[in-house]
Protein backbone atom coordinates (compact mmCIF):
# COMPACT_ATOMS: atom_id res chain seq x y z
CA MET A 1 -0.99 47.16 51.54
CA ARG A 2 0.27 46.88 47.97
CA GLU A 3 2.65 49.76 48.58
CA LEU A 4 4.47 47.71 51.23
CA SER A 5 5.96 45.40 48.62
CA ASN A 6 7.76 48.41 47.11
CA HIS A 7 9.85 48.88 50.26
CA LYS A 8 13.06 47.02 51.04
CA LEU A 9 12.25 46.54 54.73
CA VAL A 10 8.85 46.65 56.40
CA VAL A 11 8.82 46.81 60.19
CA GLY A 12 5.55 46.16 62.01
CA MET A 13 4.79 47.02 65.61
CA GLY A 14 1.84 45.86 67.62
CA GLY A 15 0.84 44.24 70.83
CA GLY A 16 -2.04 43.02 72.91
CA SER A 17 -4.49 40.17 72.63
CA GLN A 18 -6.71 42.10 70.20
CA LYS A 19 -3.85 42.27 67.65
CA VAL A 20 -2.80 38.59 67.62
CA LYS A 21 -4.89 37.51 64.62
CA SER A 22 -3.98 40.61 62.61
CA LEU A 23 -0.28 40.22 63.28
CA LEU A 24 -0.36 36.53 62.39
CA GLY A 25 -2.18 37.40 59.17
CA ALA A 26 0.44 40.01 58.32
CA LEU A 27 3.18 37.45 58.92
CA HIS A 28 1.41 34.79 56.86
CA GLY A 29 0.89 37.29 54.06
CA SER A 30 4.59 38.18 54.06
CA TYR A 31 3.73 41.84 54.62
CA LEU A 32 6.34 42.18 57.38
CA ASP A 33 10.06 41.60 57.44
CA VAL A 34 10.36 42.44 61.14
CA LEU A 35 7.80 42.34 63.95
CA ILE A 36 8.31 44.26 67.17
CA THR A 37 5.97 43.15 69.95
CA ASP A 38 5.86 42.19 73.61
CA SER A 39 6.51 38.67 74.90
CA GLN A 40 2.86 37.93 75.75
CA THR A 41 1.72 38.81 72.24
CA ALA A 42 4.58 36.83 70.69
CA GLU A 43 3.62 33.77 72.74
CA ALA A 44 -0.04 34.18 71.76
CA ILE A 45 0.91 34.42 68.07
CA LEU A 46 2.97 31.23 68.35
CA ALA A 47 0.13 29.44 70.18
CA LEU A 48 -2.37 30.50 67.50
CA GLU A 49 0.03 29.33 64.78
CA ASP A 50 0.38 25.97 66.56
CA MET A 51 -3.42 25.64 66.68
CA TYR A 52 -3.60 26.47 62.97
CA ILE A 53 -0.96 23.88 62.11
CA THR A 54 -2.61 21.21 64.25
CA LYS A 55 -6.05 21.91 62.80
CA ARG A 56 -4.84 21.99 59.19
CA GLY A 57 -2.16 19.31 59.54
CA GLN A 58 0.23 21.49 57.55
CA TYR A 59 3.98 22.15 57.60
């Protein structure tokens, strides 16, 4: 993963319910500049982020 910071643009692709936590982690870690995914996965990522925010009371 350290090599990713050496690149100007990092594009991630992934989809499906089994990838939601990993994709959210990659976004939180600023490993990705662009995420390509399907609408169901995007909605699941946003829902998980909302749960995280509510639970932590952050942002």
